[in-house]
Amino acid sequence: MNSFTRRQFFTSGSHLLGGAALTSLFSQSLANAAMSHKASGPHFAPKAKRVIYLHMVGGPSQIDLFDYKPEMMKWYDKDLPDSIRNGQRLTTMTSGQARFPIAPSKFQFSAAGQCGMMMNTELLPNLAKKADDICWMRSLHTEAINHEPAIAAMQTGNQIGGRPCLGSWASYGLGSTNENLPTFVVLVATPTNREQEQAISSRLWSSGYLPGEHAGVSFRSKGDPILYINNPPGVPDSVRKRTIDGLNALNELNYQQLGDPETATRISQYEMAFRMQASVPELTDLSKEPEHIFKLYGEDAKKPGSFANSVLMARRLAERGVRFIQLYHNNWDHHSNVGGRMPSQCKDVDQPCAALIEDLKQRGMFDDTLIIWGGEFGRTIYSQGGLTKENYGRDHHPRCFSMWMAGGGAKGGAIYGETDDFSYNIVKDPLHISDFHATVLHLLGFHADRFSFKTQGLDGKLIGINPAKPVKALMA
C-alpha cells in the first residue's frame, strides 16, 4: 500500500470534503504560511534598529572586571563563610574541595567617567574612557550552572536546546533592510590565548520553531566567507542562475501542492545565496577602510578572525542593514590562571569595544545600534584549586554576574544592581536574564509578553512563561 500523508490527503482529496470549502481553507493555510515568513513589525517605535551582541564564551569574572570588592583583601585565603554560600549547589569541579579560599582580584580598579563606575582600569583602559556611554549591569542571575544550559538560556531564553535565539527573534520581528544580505549574521572570533575554549555550535543561532530563514548565517574568517557561496570551477553566473531558477520552479510547484513553509524558506534562501555572491565579497574586503579606522580598532584589526577584525566586520554588517550580528569570543572559562589569561583576554576586547562605540558615533549610528557585552554566568570569589597572590582560578557562578549595554536606547552612565561584599549574592535590584531579554526586546520595539509565534498550539516566546518585564532604569 502506498504511503499517503494527512497533508496529501487534504490536498488531493478535496472532492471528498466539498471543493469550495476545502479550497477556502487551503488558500488560507497558504496565506498563513506565507505570512509566517514576513516580519511581524514592532509594536511601537523602537529605539534600536539593530543589535551587535558580543558574547564572551565561558563566563567572564565579574570580580576581576566590573564588581569591585576591596573588602576581600582582608579575606585573602580565608574560607568563604557558610552563611554566604547558604547551601548553593556547586559544580563537580569544586564541590569536593576541602576549602573555599577567598581570592581577591589582583588587578587595579578605579572610578571611570562622570558616573564613577569602579572597574578594572588596568586591563580595560580604553573601555573606561567610554564609561558614561555604557549601561552597567552588575546583578544578572540565571538558574544554569554549567556552560551548555547557561549559554542556551542566555541566547534562547531556555536551558533546553531547540528554541529560537534572540537574533532569530529580531530577524523575524524587524525584517530585512538589505535583500542582498541576511538579517542575522554570526561571527566567531579566535582569541589570542586558546588555553581553555568552550565548544559552541550552530544550535546557538538556530531559528528553532521560527521559519528557517531567520536562523543565523555564519561567516568564516578563512576561505569563502560562507561555505559554497561561490560557483564551482567552470560554472559561470549565467549557468548558476538558470540552475537556481529551475530549482525554484520545482520548489514552487511543491509549495503549491503541500504548502510547507520550509519550501518557501528554501526558495528565498536560494535566491539570497545568489545575490550574496555579489554583496559578500564587497562586504568582507577591508582594503578600502581608511588607515585611521585600523588605528582606532587596533593593530589586530587587519588580522582575519581576530576579535578586532570581527568587531570591525560587525560594524560593516550593521552599516549595510544587517539587523542582528552575534559575535562570539572564547576562552573566558577561567578555572585556572586568571592572572595569566585575563590580561590577554582584555587586550583582545578592550580597544575594539571602545572603538566600536566611537566608530558608530562618528557614523551617526550609535543611538540606534544596541551593543551588548557579556557571558553566560559569572565566577566565584573563592579559588578553584591552588591559590597564590599571582595566580588563582574561579569556578562557575550563576547567582550574580555583570554585563553591559551601550547605544540603541540603553541608559549611558547607569550603574544597576549591587552584590554583597563577596560578589556572591545580589543585595539590590536583581536582574534575571528573562528581564534582560524583555528589556532588549523593548528597545527593539516589542512587548515581550506579546511578541510570540504559534507553535504546537502554544504561543512561543523568547521569555517563555516567565513573568518578565523590561527594566526602565536600564533605558534612556
Protein backbone atom coordinates (compact mmCIF):
# COMPACT_ATOMS: atom_id res chain seq x y z
CA MET A 1 0.00 0.00 0.00
CA ASN A 2 1.40 3.40 -0.94
CA SER A 3 2.10 5.82 1.94
CA PHE A 4 -0.30 8.76 1.97
CA THR A 5 0.23 11.64 4.37
CA ARG A 6 -2.54 13.62 6.01
CA ARG A 7 -1.43 16.76 4.13
CA GLN A 8 -1.52 14.89 0.82
CA PHE A 9 -4.98 13.56 1.63
CA PHE A 10 -6.40 17.00 2.25
CA THR A 11 -4.56 18.47 -0.73
CA SER A 12 -5.55 15.93 -3.39
CA GLY A 13 -8.82 14.69 -1.93
CA SER A 14 -10.71 17.94 -1.80
CA HIS A 15 -13.63 16.40 -3.69
CA LEU A 16 -14.35 14.22 -0.69
CA LEU A 17 -14.99 17.15 1.62
CA GLY A 18 -16.50 19.70 -0.67
CA GLY A 19 -14.36 21.56 -3.15
CA ALA A 20 -15.39 25.09 -2.29
CA ALA A 21 -14.95 24.74 1.48
CA LEU A 22 -11.58 23.00 1.29
CA THR A 23 -10.25 25.35 -1.33
CA SER A 24 -11.06 28.23 1.00
CA LEU A 25 -9.31 26.54 3.92
CA PHE A 26 -6.33 25.54 1.81
CA SER A 27 -5.90 29.04 0.39
CA GLN A 28 -5.98 30.42 3.90
CA SER A 29 -3.33 27.94 5.05
CA LEU A 30 -1.08 29.02 2.21
CA ALA A 31 -1.63 32.65 3.13
CA ASN A 32 -0.80 31.90 6.77
CA ALA A 33 2.34 30.04 5.75
CA ALA A 34 3.44 32.93 3.59
CA MET A 35 2.68 35.45 6.36
CA SER A 36 4.73 33.46 8.87
CA HIS A 37 7.83 34.35 6.88
CA LYS A 38 7.18 38.07 6.96
CA ALA A 39 8.22 40.44 9.71
CA SER A 40 5.52 40.98 12.28
CA GLY A 41 6.73 44.55 12.78
CA PRO A 42 7.45 46.36 16.04
CA HIS A 43 4.63 47.02 18.50
CA PHE A 44 5.87 50.59 18.94
CA ALA A 45 8.65 52.84 17.67
CA PRO A 46 11.96 51.13 18.51
CA LYS A 47 14.98 52.90 19.89
CA ALA A 48 17.31 50.28 18.43
CA LYS A 49 17.17 49.30 14.75
CA ARG A 50 19.92 46.72 15.02
CA VAL A 51 21.99 44.79 17.59
CA ILE A 52 25.67 43.85 17.87
CA TYR A 53 25.88 41.19 20.58
CA LEU A 54 29.40 40.42 21.83
CA HIS A 55 29.20 37.14 23.74
CA MET A 56 32.21 36.24 25.89
CA VAL A 57 32.05 32.45 25.88
CA GLY A 58 32.92 30.82 29.21
CA GLY A 59 31.70 33.38 31.75
CA PRO A 60 33.88 36.45 32.40
CA SER A 61 34.87 37.02 36.03
CA GLN A 62 32.81 39.96 37.29
CA ILE A 63 35.10 40.19 40.32
CA ASP A 64 38.13 40.84 38.14
CA LEU A 65 36.38 43.23 35.75
CA PHE A 66 33.34 45.20 36.94
CA ASP A 67 32.34 44.22 40.51
CA TYR A 68 34.82 45.96 42.82
CA LYS A 69 35.23 44.25 46.20
CA PRO A 70 38.02 45.95 48.19
CA GLU A 71 36.94 44.28 51.47
CA MET A 72 38.08 40.96 50.07
CA MET A 73 41.73 41.96 50.51
CA LYS A 74 41.20 41.36 54.23
CA TRP A 75 39.79 37.92 53.48
CA TYR A 76 42.68 36.61 51.40
CA ASP A 77 42.92 32.80 51.77
CA LYS A 78 40.16 32.68 54.37
CA ASP A 79 37.27 30.33 53.70
CA LEU A 80 34.02 31.55 52.20
CA PRO A 81 31.53 31.68 55.12
CA ASP A 82 28.72 29.12 55.05
CA SER A 83 26.29 31.97 55.65
CA ILE A 84 27.28 33.49 52.29
CA ARG A 85 27.18 30.28 50.30
CA ASN A 86 23.90 29.37 52.01
CA GLY A 87 23.71 25.87 50.58
CA GLN A 88 24.11 26.84 46.93
CA ARG A 89 24.88 23.86 44.74
CA LEU A 90 28.36 23.84 43.22
CA THR A 91 29.77 22.26 40.09
CA THR A 92 31.60 18.96 40.43
CA MET A 93 34.81 20.88 39.78
CA THR A 94 34.79 22.46 43.26
CA SER A 95 32.12 20.61 45.25
CA GLY A 96 34.78 18.20 46.51
CA GLN A 97 37.22 20.85 47.68
CA ALA A 98 38.12 20.73 51.38
CA ARG A 99 38.37 24.54 51.46
CA PHE A 100 36.93 27.51 49.58
CA PRO A 101 39.71 30.09 49.93
CA ILE A 102 38.83 33.72 49.10
CA ALA A 103 40.80 35.05 46.09
CA PRO A 104 40.61 38.86 45.83
CA SER A 105 41.25 40.31 42.39
CA LYS A 106 44.89 41.12 41.74
CA PHE A 107 44.05 43.88 39.27
CA GLN A 108 43.79 47.64 39.76
CA PHE A 109 40.33 49.18 39.95
CA SER A 110 39.47 52.87 39.79
CA ALA A 111 36.49 55.11 39.09
CA ALA A 112 35.74 55.68 35.40
CA GLY A 113 33.79 58.55 33.83
CA GLN A 114 31.44 61.02 35.43
CA CYS A 115 29.27 58.08 36.51
CA GLY A 116 32.10 56.86 38.75
CA MET A 117 31.91 53.23 37.65
CA MET A 118 34.50 51.24 39.62
CA MET A 119 36.08 48.90 37.11
CA ASN A 120 39.33 47.23 36.10
CA THR A 121 41.03 50.23 34.53
CA GLU A 122 44.36 48.40 34.50
CA LEU A 123 43.25 45.95 31.79
CA LEU A 124 40.36 47.93 30.27
CA PRO A 125 41.73 51.49 29.95
CA ASN A 126 40.05 52.22 26.60
CA LEU A 127 36.66 50.94 27.69
CA ALA A 128 36.93 53.01 30.88
CA LYS A 129 37.02 56.14 28.73
CA LYS A 130 33.57 55.21 27.41
CA ALA A 131 32.06 54.58 30.88
CA ASP A 132 29.46 57.33 30.51
CA ASP A 133 28.22 55.82 27.23
CA ILE A 134 27.70 52.42 28.84
CA CYS A 135 24.84 50.98 30.87
CA TRP A 136 26.48 48.80 33.54
CA MET A 137 24.53 45.80 34.87
CA ARG A 138 26.01 44.05 37.92
CA SER A 139 23.12 41.91 39.16
CA LEU A 140 22.27 39.45 36.40
CA HIS A 141 21.48 35.93 37.52
CA THR A 142 20.48 32.61 35.99
CA GLU A 143 19.47 29.13 37.14
CA ALA A 144 22.04 27.38 34.92
CA ILE A 145 25.36 26.44 36.50
CA ASN A 146 27.10 24.72 33.56
CA HIS A 147 28.04 26.09 30.14
CA GLU A 148 25.73 24.24 27.75
CA PRO A 149 22.44 25.07 29.51
CA ALA A 150 23.71 28.52 30.53
CA ILE A 151 24.65 29.62 27.01
CA ALA A 152 21.38 28.20 25.68
CA ALA A 153 19.45 30.14 28.33
CA MET A 154 21.28 33.37 27.58
CA GLN A 155 20.86 33.03 23.82
CA THR A 156 17.37 31.47 23.60
CA GLY A 157 15.69 32.09 26.95
CA ASN A 158 15.61 28.37 27.77
CA GLN A 159 18.23 25.90 29.02
CA ILE A 160 16.87 23.24 26.65
CA GLY A 161 18.07 23.48 23.05
CA GLY A 162 15.84 23.88 20.03
CA ARG A 163 14.33 27.28 20.82
CA PRO A 164 14.80 30.36 18.61
CA CYS A 165 17.68 32.58 19.70
CA LEU A 166 17.49 36.31 20.30
CA GLY A 167 18.95 37.05 16.85
CA SER A 168 16.26 34.95 15.16
CA TRP A 169 13.53 36.75 17.09
CA ALA A 170 14.99 40.10 15.98
CA SER A 171 15.14 38.89 12.37
CA TYR A 172 11.56 37.65 12.47
CA GLY A 173 10.20 40.76 14.15
CA LEU A 174 12.10 43.50 12.34
CA GLY A 175 12.58 42.01 8.89
CA SER A 176 15.28 42.82 6.37
CA THR A 177 16.58 46.17 5.19
CA ASN A 178 19.03 44.69 2.66
CA GLU A 179 17.80 41.97 0.31
CA ASN A 180 21.41 41.07 -0.57
CA LEU A 181 22.47 40.14 2.98
CA PRO A 182 20.93 38.00 5.73
CA THR A 183 19.10 39.74 8.57
CA PHE A 184 21.12 37.74 11.15
CA VAL A 185 24.85 37.05 10.85
CA VAL A 186 27.18 35.13 13.20
CA LEU A 187 30.92 35.75 13.60
CA VAL A 188 33.27 33.61 15.70
CA ALA A 189 36.48 35.40 16.71
CA THR A 190 39.65 33.50 17.59
CA PRO A 191 41.13 34.59 20.95
CA THR A 192 44.84 35.25 21.25
CA ASN A 193 45.06 32.83 24.16
CA ARG A 194 43.40 29.48 23.45
CA GLU A 195 44.09 27.77 26.77
CA GLN A 196 40.56 26.58 27.59
CA GLU A 197 37.93 27.19 24.91
CA GLN A 198 34.33 26.10 25.17
CA ALA A 199 32.59 24.29 22.32
CA ILE A 200 29.92 26.33 20.52
CA SER A 201 27.74 25.19 17.66
CA SER A 202 25.05 26.35 15.26
CA ARG A 203 22.33 25.35 17.70
CA LEU A 204 23.07 28.67 19.42
CA TRP A 205 21.99 30.61 16.35
CA SER A 206 19.15 28.29 15.36
CA SER A 207 15.75 29.66 14.38
CA GLY A 208 14.09 26.88 16.40
CA TYR A 209 10.37 26.85 15.67
CA LEU A 210 10.56 30.14 13.75
CA PRO A 211 10.81 29.88 9.94
CA GLY A 212 14.24 28.66 8.88
CA GLU A 213 15.14 31.88 7.05
CA HIS A 214 15.59 33.55 10.45
CA ALA A 215 18.49 31.31 11.50
CA GLY A 216 21.90 32.96 11.80
CA VAL A 217 24.24 32.76 8.82
CA SER A 218 27.77 32.02 9.96
CA PHE A 219 30.57 33.97 8.27
CA ARG A 220 34.06 32.44 8.25
CA SER A 221 37.35 34.28 8.60
CA LYS A 222 39.28 31.99 6.22
CA GLY A 223 38.44 30.77 2.73
CA ASP A 224 34.99 31.56 1.39
CA PRO A 225 33.17 33.79 3.91
CA ILE A 226 30.17 31.46 3.58
CA LEU A 227 30.51 27.81 2.62
CA TYR A 228 29.61 27.04 -1.01
CA ILE A 229 28.67 30.64 -1.78
CA ASN A 230 30.98 30.75 -4.79
CA ASN A 231 30.35 28.88 -8.03
CA PRO A 232 32.14 25.58 -8.61
CA PRO A 233 35.07 25.76 -11.06
CA GLY A 234 33.85 26.12 -14.65
CA VAL A 235 30.33 27.22 -13.69
CA PRO A 236 29.59 30.81 -14.77
CA ASP A 237 26.96 33.02 -13.11
CA SER A 238 24.57 32.52 -16.02
CA VAL A 239 24.51 28.74 -15.52
CA ARG A 240 24.20 29.14 -11.74
CA LYS A 241 21.24 31.48 -12.22
CA ARG A 242 19.46 29.10 -14.61
CA THR A 243 20.04 26.25 -12.14
CA ILE A 244 18.58 28.23 -9.24
CA ASP A 245 15.62 29.35 -11.36
CA GLY A 246 14.94 25.73 -12.25
CA LEU A 247 15.16 24.57 -8.64
CA ASN A 248 12.92 27.37 -7.52
CA ALA A 249 10.32 26.47 -10.16
CA LEU A 250 10.25 22.90 -8.83
CA ASN A 251 10.09 24.13 -5.26
CA GLU A 252 7.25 26.47 -6.19
CA LEU A 253 5.26 23.53 -7.57
CA ASN A 254 5.94 21.60 -4.38
CA TYR A 255 4.88 24.58 -2.28
CA GLN A 256 1.61 24.97 -4.21
CA GLN A 257 0.84 21.30 -3.63
CA LEU A 258 1.83 20.96 0.03
CA GLY A 259 2.04 24.49 1.42
CA ASP A 260 5.08 23.62 3.56
CA PRO A 261 6.59 26.90 4.91
CA GLU A 262 10.08 25.39 4.78
CA THR A 263 9.73 25.10 1.00
CA ALA A 264 9.14 28.85 0.86
CA THR A 265 12.24 29.27 3.02
CA ARG A 266 14.27 27.16 0.61
CA ILE A 267 13.15 29.30 -2.33
CA SER A 268 14.10 32.57 -0.63
CA GLN A 269 17.43 31.16 0.62
CA TYR A 270 18.49 30.01 -2.87
CA GLU A 271 17.75 33.49 -4.17
CA MET A 272 19.56 35.12 -1.24
CA ALA A 273 22.63 32.93 -1.81
CA PHE A 274 22.82 34.03 -5.44
CA ARG A 275 22.56 37.72 -4.51
CA MET A 276 25.21 37.30 -1.80
CA GLN A 277 27.72 36.19 -4.39
CA ALA A 278 27.98 39.85 -5.35
CA SER A 279 27.40 41.55 -1.96
CA VAL A 280 29.61 39.44 0.34
CA PRO A 281 32.96 39.98 -1.42
CA GLU A 282 32.47 43.75 -1.18
CA LEU A 283 31.44 43.41 2.47
CA THR A 284 34.46 41.37 3.51
CA ASP A 285 37.01 43.43 1.56
CA LEU A 286 38.56 45.74 4.17
CA SER A 287 41.11 47.23 1.79
CA LYS A 288 39.03 50.38 1.35
CA GLU A 289 38.81 51.07 5.07
CA PRO A 290 40.93 54.17 5.84
CA GLU A 291 44.05 53.78 7.94
CA HIS A 292 42.60 55.78 10.82
CA ILE A 293 39.92 53.12 11.26
CA PHE A 294 42.54 50.39 11.68
CA LYS A 295 44.34 52.62 14.14
CA LEU A 296 41.07 53.13 16.03
CA TYR A 297 40.35 49.38 16.35
CA GLY A 298 43.96 48.36 16.95
CA GLU A 299 46.71 46.53 15.11
CA ASP A 300 44.80 43.21 15.12
CA ALA A 301 42.01 44.69 13.01
CA LYS A 302 43.91 43.67 9.87
CA LYS A 303 44.23 40.09 11.11
CA PRO A 304 41.33 37.94 9.82
CA GLY A 305 39.47 36.15 12.58
CA SER A 306 40.77 38.30 15.41
CA PHE A 307 38.31 39.98 17.76
CA ALA A 308 39.27 43.42 16.47
CA ASN A 309 38.79 42.32 12.86
CA SER A 310 35.46 40.69 13.71
CA VAL A 311 34.15 43.80 15.51
CA LEU A 312 35.09 45.93 12.51
CA MET A 313 33.26 43.42 10.31
CA ALA A 314 30.26 43.68 12.63
CA ARG A 315 30.19 47.43 12.11
CA ARG A 316 30.31 46.94 8.33
CA LEU A 317 27.42 44.47 8.53
CA ALA A 318 25.37 46.85 10.67
CA GLU A 319 26.16 49.67 8.27
CA ARG A 320 24.74 47.61 5.41
CA GLY A 321 21.45 46.88 7.10
CA VAL A 322 22.03 43.57 8.90
CA ARG A 323 19.64 43.56 11.84
CA PHE A 324 21.50 41.32 14.30
CA ILE A 325 25.20 40.48 14.48
CA GLN A 326 26.20 37.82 17.01
CA LEU A 327 29.93 37.72 17.74
CA TYR A 328 31.45 35.01 19.94
CA HIS A 329 34.83 35.41 21.69
CA ASN A 330 36.05 32.30 23.51
CA ASN A 331 38.40 31.36 26.41
CA TRP A 332 36.68 33.18 29.31
CA ASP A 333 36.28 29.93 31.28
CA HIS A 334 38.90 30.79 33.89
CA HIS A 335 39.09 27.75 36.15
CA SER A 336 42.81 28.42 36.47
CA ASN A 337 45.47 31.00 35.63
CA VAL A 338 43.24 34.07 35.90
CA GLY A 339 46.36 36.16 36.41
CA GLY A 340 47.90 34.91 33.19
CA ARG A 341 44.83 34.73 30.94
CA MET A 342 42.78 37.75 31.94
CA PRO A 343 45.31 40.29 30.55
CA SER A 344 45.30 38.52 27.18
CA GLN A 345 41.51 38.35 27.04
CA CYS A 346 41.13 42.00 27.97
CA LYS A 347 43.74 43.06 25.45
CA ASP A 348 41.69 41.31 22.77
CA VAL A 349 38.45 43.14 23.60
CA ASP A 350 39.33 46.47 25.25
CA GLN A 351 40.33 48.67 22.32
CA PRO A 352 37.92 47.16 19.74
CA CYS A 353 34.89 47.58 22.06
CA ALA A 354 35.75 51.22 22.77
CA ALA A 355 36.44 51.74 19.07
CA LEU A 356 33.05 50.31 18.10
CA ILE A 357 31.30 52.87 20.31
CA GLU A 358 33.37 55.69 18.85
CA ASP A 359 33.03 54.46 15.27
CA LEU A 360 29.25 54.19 15.49
CA LYS A 361 29.08 57.68 16.97
CA GLN A 362 31.10 59.10 14.09
CA ARG A 363 28.71 57.49 11.61
CA GLY A 364 25.55 58.63 13.38
CA MET A 365 24.64 55.01 14.16
CA PHE A 366 25.25 54.82 17.91
CA ASP A 367 21.82 55.98 19.03
CA ASP A 368 20.00 53.27 17.09
CA THR A 369 22.53 50.42 17.39
CA LEU A 370 22.40 48.39 20.60
CA ILE A 371 25.72 46.87 21.70
CA ILE A 372 25.56 44.03 24.24
CA TRP A 373 28.62 42.61 26.03
CA GLY A 374 28.66 39.67 28.44
CA GLY A 375 28.81 35.95 29.06
CA GLU A 376 26.51 33.19 30.31
CA PHE A 377 27.26 33.48 34.05
CA GLY A 378 29.90 34.79 36.47
CA ARG A 379 32.76 33.38 38.53
CA THR A 380 33.23 32.54 42.21
CA ILE A 381 35.09 34.71 44.73
CA TYR A 382 36.79 31.60 46.05
CA SER A 383 39.62 29.93 44.18
CA GLN A 384 39.36 26.62 42.40
CA GLY A 385 42.43 24.57 43.17
CA GLY A 386 45.57 26.28 44.44
CA LEU A 387 45.82 29.93 45.46
CA THR A 388 48.66 32.42 45.26
CA LYS A 389 48.50 36.21 45.05
CA GLU A 390 49.69 35.99 41.45
CA ASN A 391 47.52 33.12 40.33
CA TYR A 392 44.14 31.61 41.09
CA GLY A 393 41.16 30.03 39.35
CA ARG A 394 37.43 30.64 39.62
CA ASP A 395 34.50 28.25 39.20
CA HIS A 396 31.12 28.98 37.57
CA HIS A 397 28.78 31.27 39.50
CA PRO A 398 25.18 31.80 38.32
CA ARG A 399 23.93 33.83 41.30
CA CYS A 400 25.37 37.14 40.12
CA PHE A 401 27.35 38.38 37.13
CA SER A 402 27.99 41.56 35.17
CA MET A 403 27.19 42.66 31.63
CA TRP A 404 26.96 45.97 29.81
CA MET A 405 24.99 47.61 27.00
CA ALA A 406 25.61 50.78 25.01
CA GLY A 407 23.72 52.77 22.39
CA GLY A 408 20.32 51.82 21.00
CA GLY A 409 18.36 53.36 23.86
CA ALA A 410 20.44 51.92 26.71
CA LYS A 411 20.99 54.44 29.51
CA GLY A 412 24.60 55.61 29.35
CA GLY A 413 26.32 56.03 32.71
CA ALA A 414 23.70 53.98 34.59
CA ILE A 415 25.03 51.53 37.18
CA TYR A 416 22.39 48.95 38.00
CA GLY A 417 22.41 46.33 40.75
CA GLU A 418 24.60 45.57 43.75
CA THR A 419 26.07 42.40 45.19
CA ASP A 420 27.35 41.58 48.67
CA ASP A 421 30.98 42.04 49.71
CA PHE A 422 31.80 38.61 48.31
CA SER A 423 30.18 39.18 44.90
CA TYR A 424 28.22 36.07 45.72
CA ASN A 425 24.63 37.20 46.34
CA ILE A 426 22.60 40.11 44.95
CA VAL A 427 21.57 42.68 47.56
CA LYS A 428 19.89 45.28 45.32
CA ASP A 429 17.98 45.26 42.00
CA PRO A 430 18.25 41.64 40.85
CA LEU A 431 18.14 41.26 37.06
CA HIS A 432 17.06 37.85 35.80
CA ILE A 433 18.11 37.02 32.24
CA SER A 434 14.41 36.94 31.24
CA ASP A 435 14.05 40.57 32.37
CA PHE A 436 17.21 41.36 30.44
CA HIS A 437 15.68 39.76 27.34
CA ALA A 438 12.46 41.70 27.88
CA THR A 439 14.49 44.91 28.08
CA VAL A 440 16.33 44.16 24.82
CA LEU A 441 13.04 43.37 23.07
CA HIS A 442 11.57 46.62 24.41
CA LEU A 443 14.46 48.59 22.93
CA LEU A 444 13.71 46.83 19.62
CA GLY A 445 10.07 47.92 19.84
CA PHE A 446 8.39 44.78 21.21
CA HIS A 447 6.30 43.91 24.23
CA ALA A 448 7.99 40.70 25.39
CA ASP A 449 4.74 39.17 26.65
CA ARG A 450 3.01 39.77 23.31
CA PHE A 451 5.87 39.00 20.91
CA SER A 452 5.16 35.38 20.04
CA PHE A 453 4.95 32.72 17.34
CA LYS A 454 2.33 29.99 17.26
CA THR A 455 3.98 26.59 17.69
CA GLN A 456 2.36 23.26 18.58
CA GLY A 457 -0.78 25.08 19.66
CA LEU A 458 1.10 27.42 22.01
CA ASP A 459 2.35 30.99 21.80
CA GLY A 460 6.12 30.52 21.82
CA LYS A 461 8.04 33.47 23.30
CA LEU A 462 11.66 34.38 23.97
CA ILE A 463 10.80 34.86 27.65
CA GLY A 464 8.84 31.60 27.77
CA ILE A 465 6.30 31.55 30.58
CA ASN A 466 8.38 33.82 32.83
CA PRO A 467 6.61 36.98 34.05
CA ALA A 468 9.44 39.10 32.65
CA LYS A 469 9.30 42.87 32.39
CA PRO A 470 11.64 45.44 30.79
CA VAL A 471 13.69 47.37 33.33
CA LYS A 472 13.11 51.09 32.90
CA ALA A 473 16.27 52.01 34.82
CA LEU A 474 18.35 50.47 32.01
CA MET A 475 16.75 52.55 29.26
CA ALA A 476 17.37 56.17 28.35
